[in-house]
PDB file of N, CA and C in Angstrom:
ATOM      1  N   MET A   1       0.849  -1.169   0.000  1.00  0.00           N
ATOM      2  CA  MET A   1       0.000   0.000   0.000  1.00  0.00           C
ATOM      3  C   MET A   1       0.901   1.241   0.000  1.00  0.00           C
ATOM      4  N   PRO A   2       0.625   2.193  -0.881  1.00  0.00           N
ATOM      5  CA  PRO A   2       1.459   3.393  -0.936  1.00  0.00           C
ATOM      6  C   PRO A   2       1.258   4.275   0.280  1.00  0.00           C
ATOM      7  N   ARG A   3       2.224   5.127   0.524  1.00  0.00           N
ATOM      8  CA  ARG A   3       2.145   6.051   1.650  1.00  0.00           C
ATOM      9  C   ARG A   3       1.054   7.081   1.406  1.00  0.00           C
ATOM     10  N   PRO A   4       0.359   7.493   2.456  1.00  0.00           N
ATOM     11  CA  PRO A   4      -0.666   8.533   2.271  1.00  0.00           C
ATOM     12  C   PRO A   4      -0.028   9.884   1.990  1.00  0.00           C
ATOM     13  N   THR A   5      -0.714  10.675   1.203  1.00  0.00           N
ATOM     14  CA  THR A   5      -0.210  12.006   0.888  1.00  0.00           C
ATOM     15  C   THR A   5      -0.544  12.962   2.034  1.00  0.00           C
ATOM     16  N   ALA A   6       0.003  14.155   1.958  1.00  0.00           N
ATOM     17  CA  ALA A   6      -0.261  15.160   2.990  1.00  0.00           C
ATOM     18  C   ALA A   6      -1.736  15.538   3.011  1.00  0.00           C
ATOM     19  N   ALA A   7      -2.360  15.585   1.849  1.00  0.00           N
ATOM     20  CA  ALA A   7      -3.785  15.921   1.790  1.00  0.00           C
ATOM     21  C   ALA A   7      -4.630  14.838   2.460  1.00  0.00           C
ATOM     22  N   GLN A   8      -4.274  13.596   2.247  1.00  0.00           N
ATOM     23  CA  GLN A   8      -5.010  12.505   2.886  1.00  0.00           C
ATOM     24  C   GLN A   8      -4.857  12.558   4.400  1.00  0.00           C
ATOM     25  N   LEU A   9      -3.658  12.818   4.869  1.00  0.00           N
ATOM     26  CA  LEU A   9      -3.437  12.905   6.319  1.00  0.00           C
ATOM     27  C   LEU A   9      -4.195  14.087   6.922  1.00  0.00           C
ATOM     28  N   ALA A  10      -4.160  15.215   6.233  1.00  0.00           N
ATOM     29  CA  ALA A  10      -4.835  16.409   6.758  1.00  0.00           C
ATOM     30  C   ALA A  10      -6.348  16.209   6.794  1.00  0.00           C
ATOM     31  N   LEU A  11      -6.912  15.676   5.726  1.00  0.00           N
ATOM     32  CA  LEU A  11      -8.360  15.465   5.703  1.00  0.00           C
ATOM     33  C   LEU A  11      -8.796  14.409   6.713  1.00  0.00           C
ATOM     34  N   GLY A  12      -8.017  13.351   6.839  1.00  0.00           N
ATOM     35  CA  GLY A  12      -8.347  12.319   7.816  1.00  0.00           C
ATOM     36  C   GLY A  12      -8.288  12.838   9.241  1.00  0.00           C
ATOM     37  N   SER A  13      -7.255  13.616   9.550  1.00  0.00           N
ATOM     38  CA  SER A  13      -7.113  14.174  10.900  1.00  0.00           C
ATOM     39  C   SER A  13      -8.224  15.167  11.216  1.00  0.00           C
ATOM     40  N   ALA A  14      -8.530  16.027  10.255  1.00  0.00           N
ATOM     41  CA  ALA A  14      -9.607  16.997  10.466  1.00  0.00           C
ATOM     42  C   ALA A  14     -10.946  16.291  10.648  1.00  0.00           C
ATOM     43  N   THR A  15     -11.146  15.204   9.915  1.00  0.00           N
ATOM     44  CA  THR A  15     -12.392  14.450  10.058  1.00  0.00           C
ATOM     45  C   THR A  15     -12.497  13.825  11.438  1.00  0.00           C
ATOM     46  N   VAL A  16     -11.392  13.287  11.932  1.00  0.00           N
ATOM     47  CA  VAL A  16     -11.406  12.668  13.263  1.00  0.00           C
ATOM     48  C   VAL A  16     -11.783  13.701  14.320  1.00  0.00           C
ATOM     49  N   VAL A  17     -11.119  14.841  14.290  1.00  0.00           N
ATOM     50  CA  VAL A  17     -11.345  15.858  15.317  1.00  0.00           C
ATOM     51  C   VAL A  17     -12.766  16.416  15.229  1.00  0.00           C
ATOM     52  N   LEU A  18     -13.162  16.819  14.027  1.00  0.00           N
ATOM     53  CA  LEU A  18     -14.471  17.458  13.884  1.00  0.00           C
ATOM     54  C   LEU A  18     -15.631  16.495  14.102  1.00  0.00           C
ATOM     55  N   SER A  19     -15.505  15.273  13.599  1.00  0.00           N
ATOM     56  CA  SER A  19     -16.611  14.331  13.785  1.00  0.00           C
ATOM     57  C   SER A  19     -16.724  13.890  15.245  1.00  0.00           C
ATOM     58  N   THR A  20     -15.603  13.702  15.928  1.00  0.00           N
ATOM     59  CA  THR A  20     -15.652  13.336  17.349  1.00  0.00           C
ATOM     60  C   THR A  20     -16.263  14.465  18.171  1.00  0.00           C
ATOM     61  N   LEU A  21     -15.856  15.686  17.895  1.00  0.00           N
ATOM     62  CA  LEU A  21     -16.419  16.826  18.599  1.00  0.00           C
ATOM     63  C   LEU A  21     -17.920  16.949  18.335  1.00  0.00           C
ATOM     64  N   ALA A  22     -18.316  16.784  17.090  1.00  0.00           N
ATOM     65  CA  ALA A  22     -19.737  16.872  16.749  1.00  0.00           C
ATOM     66  C   ALA A  22     -20.551  15.775  17.431  1.00  0.00           C
ATOM     67  N   MET A  23     -20.011  14.556  17.440  1.00  0.00           N
ATOM     68  CA  MET A  23     -20.743  13.463  18.098  1.00  0.00           C
ATOM     69  C   MET A  23     -20.866  13.692  19.596  1.00  0.00           C
ATOM     70  N   LEU A  24     -19.805  14.201  20.212  1.00  0.00           N
ATOM     71  CA  LEU A  24     -19.870  14.467  21.648  1.00  0.00           C
ATOM     72  C   LEU A  24     -20.872  15.573  21.968  1.00  0.00           C
ATOM     73  N   LEU A  25     -20.896  16.611  21.149  1.00  0.00           N
ATOM     74  CA  LEU A  25     -21.828  17.714  21.392  1.00  0.00           C
ATOM     75  C   LEU A  25     -23.274  17.300  21.113  1.00  0.00           C
ATOM     76  N   LEU A  26     -23.486  16.554  20.038  1.00  0.00           N
ATOM     77  CA  LEU A  26     -24.855  16.170  19.687  1.00  0.00           C
ATOM     78  C   LEU A  26     -25.427  15.083  20.590  1.00  0.00           C
ATOM     79  N   SER A  27     -24.574  14.186  21.059  1.00  0.00           N
ATOM     80  CA  SER A  27     -25.082  13.097  21.899  1.00  0.00           C
ATOM     81  C   SER A  27     -25.222  13.526  23.354  1.00  0.00           C
ATOM     82  N   GLY A  28     -24.456  14.510  23.747  1.00  0.00           N
ATOM     83  CA  GLY A  28     -24.504  14.941  25.135  1.00  0.00           C
ATOM     84  C   GLY A  28     -23.913  13.911  26.079  1.00  0.00           C
ATOM     85  N   ALA A  29     -22.964  13.118  25.583  1.00  0.00           N
ATOM     86  CA  ALA A  29     -22.355  12.066  26.389  1.00  0.00           C
ATOM     87  C   ALA A  29     -21.534  12.678  27.514  1.00  0.00           C
ATOM     88  N   THR A  30     -21.777  12.187  28.723  1.00  0.00           N
ATOM     89  CA  THR A  30     -21.029  12.663  29.885  1.00  0.00           C
ATOM     90  C   THR A  30     -20.175  11.574  30.509  1.00  0.00           C
ATOM     91  N   SER A  31     -20.400  10.332  30.105  1.00  0.00           N
ATOM     92  CA  SER A  31     -19.627   9.232  30.679  1.00  0.00           C
ATOM     93  C   SER A  31     -18.390   8.960  29.830  1.00  0.00           C
ATOM     94  N   ALA A  32     -17.463   8.259  30.416  1.00  0.00           N
ATOM     95  CA  ALA A  32     -16.240   7.881  29.705  1.00  0.00           C
ATOM     96  C   ALA A  32     -16.549   6.907  28.579  1.00  0.00           C
ATOM     97  N   LEU A  33     -17.532   6.059  28.777  1.00  0.00           N
ATOM     98  CA  LEU A  33     -17.913   5.097  27.746  1.00  0.00           C
ATOM     99  C   LEU A  33     -18.490   5.816  26.526  1.00  0.00           C
ATOM    100  N   GLY A  34     -19.300   6.818  26.756  1.00  0.00           N
ATOM    101  CA  GLY A  34     -19.859   7.591  25.636  1.00  0.00           C
ATOM    102  C   GLY A  34     -18.780   8.331  24.862  1.00  0.00           C
ATOM    103  N   ALA A  35     -17.822   8.892  25.586  1.00  0.00           N
ATOM    104  CA  ALA A  35     -16.714   9.592  24.934  1.00  0.00           C
ATOM    105  C   ALA A  35     -15.840   8.617  24.151  1.00  0.00           C
ATOM    106  N   ALA A  36     -15.638   7.426  24.707  1.00  0.00           N
ATOM    107  CA  ALA A  36     -14.826   6.421  24.018  1.00  0.00           C
ATOM    108  C   ALA A  36     -15.505   5.947  22.738  1.00  0.00           C
ATOM    109  N   VAL A  37     -16.806   5.760  22.788  1.00  0.00           N
ATOM    110  CA  VAL A  37     -17.542   5.343  21.588  1.00  0.00           C
ATOM    111  C   VAL A  37     -17.466   6.424  20.519  1.00  0.00           C
ATOM    112  N   ALA A  38     -17.608   7.686  20.911  1.00  0.00           N
ATOM    113  CA  ALA A  38     -17.513   8.789  19.959  1.00  0.00           C
ATOM    114  C   ALA A  38     -16.109   8.878  19.373  1.00  0.00           C
ATOM    115  N   ALA A  39     -15.089   8.649  20.191  1.00  0.00           N
ATOM    116  CA  ALA A  39     -13.713   8.711  19.716  1.00  0.00           C
ATOM    117  C   ALA A  39     -13.415   7.582  18.734  1.00  0.00           C
ATOM    118  N   VAL A  40     -13.888   6.385  19.037  1.00  0.00           N
ATOM    119  CA  VAL A  40     -13.664   5.248  18.129  1.00  0.00           C
ATOM    120  C   VAL A  40     -14.404   5.460  16.814  1.00  0.00           C
ATOM    121  N   ALA A  41     -15.615   5.970  16.896  1.00  0.00           N
ATOM    122  CA  ALA A  41     -16.376   6.244  15.675  1.00  0.00           C
ATOM    123  C   ALA A  41     -15.694   7.341  14.857  1.00  0.00           C
ATOM    124  N   GLY A  42     -15.166   8.350  15.512  1.00  0.00           N
ATOM    125  CA  GLY A  42     -14.440   9.414  14.812  1.00  0.00           C
ATOM    126  C   GLY A  42     -13.176   8.898  14.145  1.00  0.00           C
ATOM    127  N   LEU A  43     -12.451   8.020  14.835  1.00  0.00           N
ATOM    128  CA  LEU A  43     -11.259   7.426  14.234  1.00  0.00           C
ATOM    129  C   LEU A  43     -11.608   6.592  13.002  1.00  0.00           C
ATOM    130  N   GLY A  44     -12.678   5.829  13.109  1.00  0.00           N
ATOM    131  CA  GLY A  44     -13.108   5.022  11.965  1.00  0.00           C
ATOM    132  C   GLY A  44     -13.511   5.887  10.785  1.00  0.00           C
ATOM    133  N   LEU A  45     -14.241   6.944  11.064  1.00  0.00           N
ATOM    134  CA  LEU A  45     -14.664   7.846  10.002  1.00  0.00           C
ATOM    135  C   LEU A  45     -13.461   8.571   9.383  1.00  0.00           C
ATOM    136  N   GLY A  46     -12.511   8.980  10.201  1.00  0.00           N
ATOM    137  CA  GLY A  46     -11.306   9.630   9.686  1.00  0.00           C
ATOM    138  C   GLY A  46     -10.476   8.700   8.825  1.00  0.00           C
ATOM    139  N   LEU A  47     -10.380   7.448   9.221  1.00  0.00           N
ATOM    140  CA  LEU A  47      -9.655   6.463   8.427  1.00  0.00           C
ATOM    141  C   LEU A  47     -10.349   6.239   7.093  1.00  0.00           C
ATOM    142  N   LEU A  48     -11.664   6.171   7.121  1.00  0.00           N
ATOM    143  CA  LEU A  48     -12.433   5.993   5.892  1.00  0.00           C
ATOM    144  C   LEU A  48     -12.219   7.167   4.941  1.00  0.00           C
ATOM    145  N   VAL A  49     -12.230   8.376   5.454  1.00  0.00           N
ATOM    146  CA  VAL A  49     -12.021   9.562   4.623  1.00  0.00           C
ATOM    147  C   VAL A  49     -10.610   9.570   4.062  1.00  0.00           C
ATOM    148  N   ALA A  50      -9.615   9.257   4.879  1.00  0.00           N
ATOM    149  CA  ALA A  50      -8.225   9.288   4.417  1.00  0.00           C
ATOM    150  C   ALA A  50      -7.964   8.250   3.337  1.00  0.00           C
ATOM    151  N   VAL A  51      -8.627   7.125   3.425  1.00  0.00           N
ATOM    152  CA  VAL A  51      -8.406   6.070   2.440  1.00  0.00           C
ATOM    153  C   VAL A  51      -9.129   6.366   1.131  1.00  0.00           C
ATOM    154  N   THR A  52     -10.301   6.986   1.214  1.00  0.00           N
ATOM    155  CA  THR A  52     -11.087   7.196   0.008  1.00  0.00           C
ATOM    156  C   THR A  52     -10.738   8.475  -0.749  1.00  0.00           C
ATOM    157  N   VAL A  53      -9.968   9.385  -0.142  1.00  0.00           N
ATOM    158  CA  VAL A  53      -9.541  10.581  -0.875  1.00  0.00           C
ATOM    159  C   VAL A  53      -8.580  10.122  -1.953  1.00  0.00           C
ATOM    160  N   PRO A  54      -8.840  10.494  -3.210  1.00  0.00           N
ATOM    161  CA  PRO A  54      -7.951  10.025  -4.273  1.00  0.00           C
ATOM    162  C   PRO A  54      -6.566  10.646  -4.152  1.00  0.00           C
ATOM    163  N   ALA A  55      -5.578   9.802  -4.262  1.00  0.00           N
ATOM    164  CA  ALA A  55      -4.197  10.277  -4.200  1.00  0.00           C
ATOM    165  C   ALA A  55      -3.804  10.832  -5.563  1.00  0.00           C
ATOM    166  N   ARG A  56      -2.919  11.798  -5.541  1.00  0.00           N
ATOM    167  CA  ARG A  56      -2.438  12.365  -6.795  1.00  0.00           C
ATOM    168  C   ARG A  56      -1.632  11.305  -7.513  1.00  0.00           C
ATOM    169  N   GLN A  57      -1.956  11.103  -8.758  1.00  0.00           N
ATOM    170  CA  GLN A  57      -1.245  10.087  -9.517  1.00  0.00           C
ATOM    171  C   GLN A  57      -0.091  10.717 -10.257  1.00  0.00           C
ATOM    172  N   ARG A  58       0.951   9.958 -10.381  1.00  0.00           N
ATOM    173  CA  ARG A  58       2.131  10.464 -11.066  1.00  0.00           C
ATOM    174  C   ARG A  58       1.858  10.530 -12.560  1.00  0.00           C
ATOM    175  N   ALA A  59       2.392  11.544 -13.155  1.00  0.00           N
ATOM    176  CA  ALA A  59       2.203  11.713 -14.590  1.00  0.00           C
ATOM    177  C   ALA A  59       3.029  10.680 -15.336  1.00  0.00           C
ATOM    178  N   VAL A  60       2.370  10.004 -16.238  1.00  0.00           N
ATOM    179  CA  VAL A  60       3.056   9.012 -17.058  1.00  0.00           C
ATOM    180  C   VAL A  60       3.400   9.685 -18.375  1.00  0.00           C
ATOM    181  N   PRO A  61       4.673   9.721 -18.712  1.00  0.00           N
ATOM    182  CA  PRO A  61       5.030  10.377 -19.966  1.00  0.00           C
ATOM    183  C   PRO A  61       4.447   9.614 -21.150  1.00  0.00           C
ATOM    184  N   ARG A  62       3.779  10.342 -21.986  1.00  0.00           N
ATOM    185  CA  ARG A  62       3.206   9.727 -23.172  1.00  0.00           C
ATOM    186  C   ARG A  62       4.234   9.746 -24.285  1.00  0.00           C
ATOM    187  N   THR A  63       4.220   8.712 -25.050  1.00  0.00           N
ATOM    188  CA  THR A  63       5.115   8.684 -26.194  1.00  0.00           C
ATOM    189  C   THR A  63       4.378   9.292 -27.370  1.00  0.00           C
ATOM    190  N   VAL A  64       4.983  10.291 -27.927  1.00  0.00           N
ATOM    191  CA  VAL A  64       4.393  10.972 -29.068  1.00  0.00           C
ATOM    192  C   VAL A  64       4.901  10.288 -30.324  1.00  0.00           C
ATOM    193  N   PRO A  65       4.000   9.851 -31.174  1.00  0.00           N
ATOM    194  CA  PRO A  65       4.473   9.178 -32.380  1.00  0.00           C
ATOM    195  C   PRO A  65       5.249  10.145 -33.263  1.00  0.00           C
ATOM    196  N   GLN A  66       6.312   9.644 -33.807  1.00  0.00           N
ATOM    197  CA  GLN A  66       7.139  10.460 -34.684  1.00  0.00           C
ATOM    198  C   GLN A  66       6.369  10.730 -35.967  1.00  0.00           C
ATOM    199  N   GLN A  67       6.298  11.963 -36.340  1.00  0.00           N
ATOM    200  CA  GLN A  67       5.624  12.311 -37.580  1.00  0.00           C
ATOM    201  C   GLN A  67       6.686  12.549 -38.647  1.00  0.00           C
ATOM    202  N   THR A  68       6.452  11.949 -39.761  1.00  0.00           N
ATOM    203  CA  THR A  68       7.396  12.140 -40.844  1.00  0.00           C
ATOM    204  C   THR A  68       7.021  13.399 -41.607  1.00  0.00           C
ATOM    205  N   VAL A  69       8.024  14.136 -41.977  1.00  0.00           N
ATOM    206  CA  VAL A  69       7.807  15.366 -42.713  1.00  0.00           C
ATOM    207  C   VAL A  69       7.771  15.008 -44.188  1.00  0.00           C
ATOM    208  N   VAL A  70       6.659  15.319 -44.808  1.00  0.00           N
ATOM    209  CA  VAL A  70       6.504  15.029 -46.224  1.00  0.00           C
ATOM    210  C   VAL A  70       6.609  16.349 -46.969  1.00  0.00           C
ATOM    211  N   ALA A  71       7.517  16.366 -47.922  1.00  0.00           N
ATOM    212  CA  ALA A  71       7.698  17.589 -48.698  1.00  0.00           C
ATOM    213  C   ALA A  71       6.528  17.733 -49.665  1.00  0.00           C
ATOM    214  N   SER A  72       5.884  18.875 -49.597  1.00  0.00           N
ATOM    215  CA  SER A  72       4.784  19.125 -50.506  1.00  0.00           C
ATOM    216  C   SER A  72       5.325  19.769 -51.769  1.00  0.00           C
ATOM    217  N   PRO A  73       4.612  19.602 -52.859  1.00  0.00           N
ATOM    218  CA  PRO A  73       5.095  20.228 -54.092  1.00  0.00           C
ATOM    219  C   PRO A  73       5.143  21.742 -53.918  1.00  0.00           C
ATOM    220  N   VAL A  74       6.232  22.319 -54.303  1.00  0.00           N
ATOM    221  CA  VAL A  74       6.445  23.743 -54.112  1.00  0.00           C
ATOM    222  C   VAL A  74       5.786  24.496 -55.263  1.00  0.00           C
ATOM    223  N   SER A  75       4.958  25.429 -54.901  1.00  0.00           N
ATOM    224  CA  SER A  75       4.304  26.241 -55.929  1.00  0.00           C
ATOM    225  C   SER A  75       4.673  27.702 -55.747  1.00  0.00           C
ATOM    226  N   ALA A  76       5.856  27.929 -55.246  1.00  0.00           N
ATOM    227  CA  ALA A  76       6.286  29.289 -54.957  1.00  0.00           C
ATOM    228  C   ALA A  76       6.423  30.156 -56.202  1.00  0.00           C
ATOM    229  N   PRO A  77       6.961  29.672 -57.313  1.00  0.00           N
ATOM    230  CA  PRO A  77       7.090  30.573 -58.463  1.00  0.00           C
ATOM    231  C   PRO A  77       5.741  31.057 -58.968  1.00  0.00           C
ATOM    232  N   ALA A  78       4.745  30.198 -58.973  1.00  0.00           N
ATOM    233  CA  ALA A  78       3.432  30.627 -59.446  1.00  0.00           C
ATOM    234  C   ALA A  78       2.842  31.654 -58.498  1.00  0.00           C
ATOM    235  N   GLU A  79       3.038  31.468 -57.205  1.00  0.00           N
ATOM    236  CA  GLU A  79       2.533  32.428 -56.223  1.00  0.00           C
ATOM    237  C   GLU A  79       3.249  33.764 -56.375  1.00  0.00           C
ATOM    238  N   THR A  80       4.548  33.704 -56.614  1.00  0.00           N
ATOM    239  CA  THR A  80       5.315  34.935 -56.745  1.00  0.00           C
ATOM    240  C   THR A  80       4.861  35.717 -57.975  1.00  0.00           C
ATOM    241  N   GLU A  81       4.585  35.005 -59.064  1.00  0.00           N
ATOM    242  CA  GLU A  81       4.118  35.679 -60.274  1.00  0.00           C
ATOM    243  C   GLU A  81       2.756  36.321 -60.042  1.00  0.00           C
ATOM    244  N   ARG A  82       1.873  35.635 -59.354  1.00  0.00           N
ATOM    245  CA  ARG A  82       0.537  36.166 -59.114  1.00  0.00           C
ATOM    246  C   ARG A  82       0.595  37.401 -58.219  1.00  0.00           C
ATOM    247  N   VAL A  83       1.436  37.350 -57.185  1.00  0.00           N
ATOM    248  CA  VAL A  83       1.554  38.487 -56.275  1.00  0.00           C
ATOM    249  C   VAL A  83       2.159  39.677 -56.999  1.00  0.00           C
ATOM    250  N   SER A  84       3.183  39.449 -57.830  1.00  0.00           N
ATOM    251  CA  SER A  84       3.799  40.561 -58.535  1.00  0.00           C
ATOM    252  C   SER A  84       2.844  41.143 -59.582  1.00  0.00           C
ATOM    253  N   ALA A  85       1.957  40.310 -60.133  1.00  0.00           N
ATOM    254  CA  ALA A  85       0.977  40.815 -61.100  1.00  0.00           C
ATOM    255  C   ALA A  85      -0.054  41.687 -60.392  1.00  0.00           C
ATOM    256  N   LEU A  86      -0.370  41.346 -59.147  1.00  0.00           N
ATOM    257  CA  LEU A  86      -1.357  42.142 -58.412  1.00  0.00           C
ATOM    258  C   LEU A  86      -0.789  43.487 -57.972  1.00  0.00           C
ATOM    259  N   ARG A  87       0.502  43.547 -57.794  1.00  0.00           N
ATOM    260  CA  ARG A  87       1.129  44.794 -57.340  1.00  0.00           C
ATOM    261  C   ARG A  87       1.154  45.836 -58.445  1.00  0.00           C
ATOM    262  N   HIS A  88       1.198  45.409 -59.678  1.00  0.00           N
ATOM    263  CA  HIS A  88       1.314  46.363 -60.795  1.00  0.00           C
ATOM    264  C   HIS A  88       0.021  46.884 -61.232  1.00  0.00           C
TER     265      HIS A  88
END
């Protein structure tokens, strides 16, 4: 398993803290058992968030197919004659 990125760690940690705080405030738990349940649930939720955040993928260099240069028929003299005829 690859190492978590800084974004994954930050989001997971923030989720643990905020979700645990929210659960404690909303449940009104005053016992140690209630606080422990909220803390375990917060840790589980933080782990879930950290794992599911997509990690930045490394760029894979694409191989660009070599294009062959094809010489086109040169029509420069005809163009030059037409341009010089328009100038006069």
